[in-house]
Amino acid sequence: MKLTINGEQHEVTAATLAALLADLDYEGGWLATALNGEVVPARERDGCALADGDRIEILAPMKGG
């Protein structure tokens, strides 16, 4: 399915937000995620189903300044 992830189009096979994060190598408890503009708490990512055309935002802290 096609998703927009952080403003870029991606073709993915993941069915849930948690699976998508794993596929994209995002790890750790400091991630913030949103699906179609709605915040998805970490505890809900396993049950958060994705659909073709969804917009995903993933925010992670970065080192440096």
PDB file of N, CA and C in Angstrom:
ATOM      1  N   MET A   1       0.836  -1.172   0.000  1.00  0.00           N
ATOM      2  CA  MET A   1       0.000   0.000   0.000  1.00  0.00           C
ATOM      3  C   MET A   1       0.880   1.233   0.000  1.00  0.00           C
ATOM      4  N   LYS A   2       0.335   2.343  -0.440  1.00  0.00           N
ATOM      5  CA  LYS A   2       1.075   3.592  -0.491  1.00  0.00           C
ATOM      6  C   LYS A   2       0.710   4.460   0.706  1.00  0.00           C
ATOM      7  N   LEU A   3       1.751   4.936   1.411  1.00  0.00           N
ATOM      8  CA  LEU A   3       1.575   5.825   2.549  1.00  0.00           C
ATOM      9  C   LEU A   3       2.444   7.060   2.349  1.00  0.00           C
ATOM     10  N   THR A   4       2.054   8.144   2.973  1.00  0.00           N
ATOM     11  CA  THR A   4       2.905   9.324   3.034  1.00  0.00           C
ATOM     12  C   THR A   4       3.514   9.334   4.425  1.00  0.00           C
ATOM     13  N   ILE A   5       4.831   9.203   4.484  1.00  0.00           N
ATOM     14  CA  ILE A   5       5.547   9.137   5.755  1.00  0.00           C
ATOM     15  C   ILE A   5       6.469  10.339   5.838  1.00  0.00           C
ATOM     16  N   ASN A   6       6.207  11.190   6.813  1.00  0.00           N
ATOM     17  CA  ASN A   6       6.977  12.426   6.979  1.00  0.00           C
ATOM     18  C   ASN A   6       7.074  13.207   5.665  1.00  0.00           C
ATOM     19  N   GLY A   7       5.958  13.260   4.949  1.00  0.00           N
ATOM     20  CA  GLY A   7       5.871  14.055   3.729  1.00  0.00           C
ATOM     21  C   GLY A   7       6.362  13.386   2.466  1.00  0.00           C
ATOM     22  N   GLU A   8       6.844  12.142   2.561  1.00  0.00           N
ATOM     23  CA  GLU A   8       7.350  11.431   1.385  1.00  0.00           C
ATOM     24  C   GLU A   8       6.525  10.180   1.121  1.00  0.00           C
ATOM     25  N   GLN A   9       6.292   9.876  -0.152  1.00  0.00           N
ATOM     26  CA  GLN A   9       5.536   8.694  -0.538  1.00  0.00           C
ATOM     27  C   GLN A   9       6.384   7.438  -0.368  1.00  0.00           C
ATOM     28  N   HIS A  10       5.763   6.406   0.199  1.00  0.00           N
ATOM     29  CA  HIS A  10       6.439   5.119   0.385  1.00  0.00           C
ATOM     30  C   HIS A  10       5.467   3.996   0.045  1.00  0.00           C
ATOM     31  N   GLU A  11       5.994   2.939  -0.523  1.00  0.00           N
ATOM     32  CA  GLU A  11       5.236   1.706  -0.753  1.00  0.00           C
ATOM     33  C   GLU A  11       5.627   0.757   0.371  1.00  0.00           C
ATOM     34  N   VAL A  12       4.657   0.297   1.160  1.00  0.00           N
ATOM     35  CA  VAL A  12       4.955  -0.536   2.321  1.00  0.00           C
ATOM     36  C   VAL A  12       4.051  -1.763   2.347  1.00  0.00           C
ATOM     37  N   THR A  13       4.460  -2.744   3.162  1.00  0.00           N
ATOM     38  CA  THR A  13       3.645  -3.940   3.353  1.00  0.00           C
ATOM     39  C   THR A  13       3.133  -4.054   4.781  1.00  0.00           C
ATOM     40  N   ALA A  14       3.615  -3.207   5.676  1.00  0.00           N
ATOM     41  CA  ALA A  14       3.220  -3.264   7.091  1.00  0.00           C
ATOM     42  C   ALA A  14       1.726  -3.001   7.236  1.00  0.00           C
ATOM     43  N   ALA A  15       1.083  -3.762   8.118  1.00  0.00           N
ATOM     44  CA  ALA A  15      -0.351  -3.620   8.335  1.00  0.00           C
ATOM     45  C   ALA A  15      -0.691  -2.741   9.533  1.00  0.00           C
ATOM     46  N   THR A  16       0.285  -2.559  10.434  1.00  0.00           N
ATOM     47  CA  THR A  16       0.043  -1.738  11.624  1.00  0.00           C
ATOM     48  C   THR A  16       1.142  -0.692  11.760  1.00  0.00           C
ATOM     49  N   LEU A  17       0.871   0.305  12.573  1.00  0.00           N
ATOM     50  CA  LEU A  17       1.869   1.345  12.813  1.00  0.00           C
ATOM     51  C   LEU A  17       3.109   0.757  13.478  1.00  0.00           C
ATOM     52  N   ALA A  18       2.939  -0.159  14.411  1.00  0.00           N
ATOM     53  CA  ALA A  18       4.080  -0.791  15.081  1.00  0.00           C
ATOM     54  C   ALA A  18       4.945  -1.546  14.075  1.00  0.00           C
ATOM     55  N   ALA A  19       4.327  -2.276  13.160  1.00  0.00           N
ATOM     56  CA  ALA A  19       5.075  -3.012  12.140  1.00  0.00           C
ATOM     57  C   ALA A  19       5.799  -2.057  11.192  1.00  0.00           C
ATOM     58  N   LEU A  20       5.169  -0.945  10.863  1.00  0.00           N
ATOM     59  CA  LEU A  20       5.807   0.047  10.002  1.00  0.00           C
ATOM     60  C   LEU A  20       7.052   0.615  10.669  1.00  0.00           C
ATOM     61  N   LEU A  21       6.951   0.962  11.944  1.00  0.00           N
ATOM     62  CA  LEU A  21       8.105   1.494  12.666  1.00  0.00           C
ATOM     63  C   LEU A  21       9.246   0.486  12.680  1.00  0.00           C
ATOM     64  N   ALA A  22       8.933  -0.781  12.884  1.00  0.00           N
ATOM     65  CA  ALA A  22       9.963  -1.829  12.876  1.00  0.00           C
ATOM     66  C   ALA A  22      10.595  -1.946  11.493  1.00  0.00           C
ATOM     67  N   ASP A  23       9.775  -1.917  10.446  1.00  0.00           N
ATOM     68  CA  ASP A  23      10.284  -2.022   9.071  1.00  0.00           C
ATOM     69  C   ASP A  23      11.214  -0.859   8.726  1.00  0.00           C
ATOM     70  N   LEU A  24      10.922   0.319   9.284  1.00  0.00           N
ATOM     71  CA  LEU A  24      11.713   1.511   8.991  1.00  0.00           C
ATOM     72  C   LEU A  24      12.868   1.715   9.979  1.00  0.00           C
ATOM     73  N   ASP A  25      13.057   0.733  10.867  1.00  0.00           N
ATOM     74  CA  ASP A  25      14.132   0.757  11.870  1.00  0.00           C
ATOM     75  C   ASP A  25      14.027   1.903  12.864  1.00  0.00           C
ATOM     76  N   TYR A  26      12.797   2.291  13.199  1.00  0.00           N
ATOM     77  CA  TYR A  26      12.585   3.248  14.281  1.00  0.00           C
ATOM     78  C   TYR A  26      12.416   2.452  15.560  1.00  0.00           C
ATOM     79  N   GLU A  27      13.228   2.769  16.564  1.00  0.00           N
ATOM     80  CA  GLU A  27      13.162   2.054  17.826  1.00  0.00           C
ATOM     81  C   GLU A  27      13.226   3.042  18.971  1.00  0.00           C
ATOM     82  N   GLY A  28      12.791   2.614  20.130  1.00  0.00           N
ATOM     83  CA  GLY A  28      12.943   3.414  21.332  1.00  0.00           C
ATOM     84  C   GLY A  28      11.645   4.013  21.805  1.00  0.00           C
ATOM     85  N   GLY A  29      11.654   4.413  23.048  1.00  0.00           N
ATOM     86  CA  GLY A  29      10.465   4.962  23.675  1.00  0.00           C
ATOM     87  C   GLY A  29      10.284   6.450  23.473  1.00  0.00           C
ATOM     88  N   TRP A  30      11.211   7.087  22.744  1.00  0.00           N
ATOM     89  CA  TRP A  30      11.131   8.526  22.582  1.00  0.00           C
ATOM     90  C   TRP A  30      10.470   8.938  21.281  1.00  0.00           C
ATOM     91  N   LEU A  31       9.830   8.027  20.582  1.00  0.00           N
ATOM     92  CA  LEU A  31       9.167   8.356  19.328  1.00  0.00           C
ATOM     93  C   LEU A  31       7.797   8.962  19.585  1.00  0.00           C
ATOM     94  N   ALA A  32       7.431   9.886  18.727  1.00  0.00           N
ATOM     95  CA  ALA A  32       6.062  10.401  18.703  1.00  0.00           C
ATOM     96  C   ALA A  32       5.505  10.066  17.321  1.00  0.00           C
ATOM     97  N   THR A  33       4.270   9.589  17.279  1.00  0.00           N
ATOM     98  CA  THR A  33       3.672   9.205  16.004  1.00  0.00           C
ATOM     99  C   THR A  33       2.280   9.802  15.859  1.00  0.00           C
ATOM    100  N   ALA A  34       1.927  10.053  14.597  1.00  0.00           N
ATOM    101  CA  ALA A  34       0.582  10.536  14.287  1.00  0.00           C
ATOM    102  C   ALA A  34       0.106   9.850  13.018  1.00  0.00           C
ATOM    103  N   LEU A  35      -1.173   9.549  12.983  1.00  0.00           N
ATOM    104  CA  LEU A  35      -1.818   8.940  11.820  1.00  0.00           C
ATOM    105  C   LEU A  35      -2.915   9.887  11.358  1.00  0.00           C
ATOM    106  N   ASN A  36      -2.765  10.396  10.150  1.00  0.00           N
ATOM    107  CA  ASN A  36      -3.741  11.333   9.579  1.00  0.00           C
ATOM    108  C   ASN A  36      -4.033  12.503  10.520  1.00  0.00           C
ATOM    109  N   GLY A  37      -2.966  13.008  11.151  1.00  0.00           N
ATOM    110  CA  GLY A  37      -3.090  14.176  12.007  1.00  0.00           C
ATOM    111  C   GLY A  37      -3.488  13.910  13.439  1.00  0.00           C
ATOM    112  N   GLU A  38      -3.723  12.653  13.797  1.00  0.00           N
ATOM    113  CA  GLU A  38      -4.115  12.289  15.157  1.00  0.00           C
ATOM    114  C   GLU A  38      -2.967  11.554  15.846  1.00  0.00           C
ATOM    115  N   VAL A  39      -2.596  12.018  17.022  1.00  0.00           N
ATOM    116  CA  VAL A  39      -1.513  11.383  17.775  1.00  0.00           C
ATOM    117  C   VAL A  39      -1.884   9.944  18.114  1.00  0.00           C
ATOM    118  N   VAL A  40      -0.923   9.042  17.932  1.00  0.00           N
ATOM    119  CA  VAL A  40      -1.109   7.633  18.289  1.00  0.00           C
ATOM    120  C   VAL A  40      -0.122   7.315  19.415  1.00  0.00           C
ATOM    121  N   PRO A  41      -0.619   7.108  20.639  1.00  0.00           N
ATOM    122  CA  PRO A  41       0.270   6.764  21.753  1.00  0.00           C
ATOM    123  C   PRO A  41       0.985   5.431  21.499  1.00  0.00           C
ATOM    124  N   ALA A  42       2.166   5.291  22.082  1.00  0.00           N
ATOM    125  CA  ALA A  42       2.975   4.080  21.883  1.00  0.00           C
ATOM    126  C   ALA A  42       2.195   2.817  22.211  1.00  0.00           C
ATOM    127  N   ARG A  43       1.402   2.832  23.249  1.00  0.00           N
ATOM    128  CA  ARG A  43       0.671   1.632  23.674  1.00  0.00           C
ATOM    129  C   ARG A  43      -0.411   1.217  22.675  1.00  0.00           C
ATOM    130  N   GLU A  44      -0.765   2.092  21.733  1.00  0.00           N
ATOM    131  CA  GLU A  44      -1.825   1.792  20.759  1.00  0.00           C
ATOM    132  C   GLU A  44      -1.292   1.443  19.365  1.00  0.00           C
ATOM    133  N   ARG A  45       0.013   1.484  19.185  1.00  0.00           N
ATOM    134  CA  ARG A  45       0.579   1.276  17.847  1.00  0.00           C
ATOM    135  C   ARG A  45       0.379  -0.141  17.316  1.00  0.00           C
ATOM    136  N   ASP A  46       0.404  -1.144  18.201  1.00  0.00           N
ATOM    137  CA  ASP A  46       0.197  -2.535  17.746  1.00  0.00           C
ATOM    138  C   ASP A  46      -1.177  -2.729  17.124  1.00  0.00           C
ATOM    139  N   GLY A  47      -2.167  -2.038  17.631  1.00  0.00           N
ATOM    140  CA  GLY A  47      -3.533  -2.186  17.140  1.00  0.00           C
ATOM    141  C   GLY A  47      -3.954  -1.122  16.148  1.00  0.00           C
ATOM    142  N   CYS A  48      -3.028  -0.270  15.751  1.00  0.00           N
ATOM    143  CA  CYS A  48      -3.334   0.833  14.836  1.00  0.00           C
ATOM    144  C   CYS A  48      -3.156   0.364  13.392  1.00  0.00           C
ATOM    145  N   ALA A  49      -4.267  -0.012  12.767  1.00  0.00           N
ATOM    146  CA  ALA A  49      -4.230  -0.523  11.392  1.00  0.00           C
ATOM    147  C   ALA A  49      -3.978   0.608  10.401  1.00  0.00           C
ATOM    148  N   LEU A  50      -3.202   0.292   9.373  1.00  0.00           N
ATOM    149  CA  LEU A  50      -2.904   1.251   8.315  1.00  0.00           C
ATOM    150  C   LEU A  50      -3.742   0.948   7.088  1.00  0.00           C
ATOM    151  N   ALA A  51      -4.040   2.000   6.318  1.00  0.00           N
ATOM    152  CA  ALA A  51      -4.807   1.850   5.077  1.00  0.00           C
ATOM    153  C   ALA A  51      -4.133   2.652   3.974  1.00  0.00           C
ATOM    154  N   ASP A  52      -4.330   2.223   2.754  1.00  0.00           N
ATOM    155  CA  ASP A  52      -3.764   2.905   1.603  1.00  0.00           C
ATOM    156  C   ASP A  52      -4.112   4.392   1.650  1.00  0.00           C
ATOM    157  N   GLY A  53      -3.102   5.239   1.466  1.00  0.00           N
ATOM    158  CA  GLY A  53      -3.317   6.675   1.448  1.00  0.00           C
ATOM    159  C   GLY A  53      -3.139   7.371   2.787  1.00  0.00           C
ATOM    160  N   ASP A  54      -2.910   6.605   3.864  1.00  0.00           N
ATOM    161  CA  ASP A  54      -2.720   7.217   5.179  1.00  0.00           C
ATOM    162  C   ASP A  54      -1.495   8.117   5.184  1.00  0.00           C
ATOM    163  N   ARG A  55      -1.554   9.126   6.069  1.00  0.00           N
ATOM    164  CA  ARG A  55      -0.427  10.024   6.295  1.00  0.00           C
ATOM    165  C   ARG A  55       0.144   9.746   7.677  1.00  0.00           C
ATOM    166  N   ILE A  56       1.413   9.418   7.738  1.00  0.00           N
ATOM    167  CA  ILE A  56       2.097   9.078   8.981  1.00  0.00           C
ATOM    168  C   ILE A  56       3.161  10.131   9.262  1.00  0.00           C
ATOM    169  N   GLU A  57       3.218  10.595  10.503  1.00  0.00           N
ATOM    170  CA  GLU A  57       4.297  11.463  10.951  1.00  0.00           C
ATOM    171  C   GLU A  57       5.029  10.740  12.064  1.00  0.00           C
ATOM    172  N   ILE A  58       6.354  10.704  11.961  1.00  0.00           N
ATOM    173  CA  ILE A  58       7.199  10.054  12.963  1.00  0.00           C
ATOM    174  C   ILE A  58       8.244  11.073  13.400  1.00  0.00           C
ATOM    175  N   LEU A  59       8.250  11.367  14.682  1.00  0.00           N
ATOM    176  CA  LEU A  59       9.215  12.314  15.222  1.00  0.00           C
ATOM    177  C   LEU A  59      10.114  11.578  16.196  1.00  0.00           C
ATOM    178  N   ALA A  60      11.411  11.776  16.038  1.00  0.00           N
ATOM    179  CA  ALA A  60      12.388  11.147  16.913  1.00  0.00           C
ATOM    180  C   ALA A  60      13.447  12.175  17.260  1.00  0.00           C
ATOM    181  N   PRO A  61      13.970  12.129  18.508  1.00  0.00           N
ATOM    182  CA  PRO A  61      15.016  13.071  18.881  1.00  0.00           C
ATOM    183  C   PRO A  61      16.297  12.803  18.086  1.00  0.00           C
ATOM    184  N   MET A  62      17.047  13.862  17.867  1.00  0.00           N
ATOM    185  CA  MET A  62      18.311  13.745  17.143  1.00  0.00           C
ATOM    186  C   MET A  62      19.427  14.347  17.995  1.00  0.00           C
ATOM    187  N   LYS A  63      20.601  13.804  17.862  1.00  0.00           N
ATOM    188  CA  LYS A  63      21.753  14.355  18.553  1.00  0.00           C
ATOM    189  C   LYS A  63      22.281  15.560  17.774  1.00  0.00           C
ATOM    190  N   GLY A  64      22.937  16.420  18.475  1.00  0.00           N
ATOM    191  CA  GLY A  64      23.550  17.562  17.821  1.00  0.00           C
ATOM    192  C   GLY A  64      22.716  18.820  17.988  1.00  0.00           C
ATOM    193  N   GLY A  65      23.102  19.856  17.336  1.00  0.00           N
ATOM    194  CA  GLY A  65      22.418  21.128  17.508  1.00  0.00           C
ATOM    195  C   GLY A  65      22.179  21.797  16.266  1.00  0.00           C
TER     196      GLY A  65
END
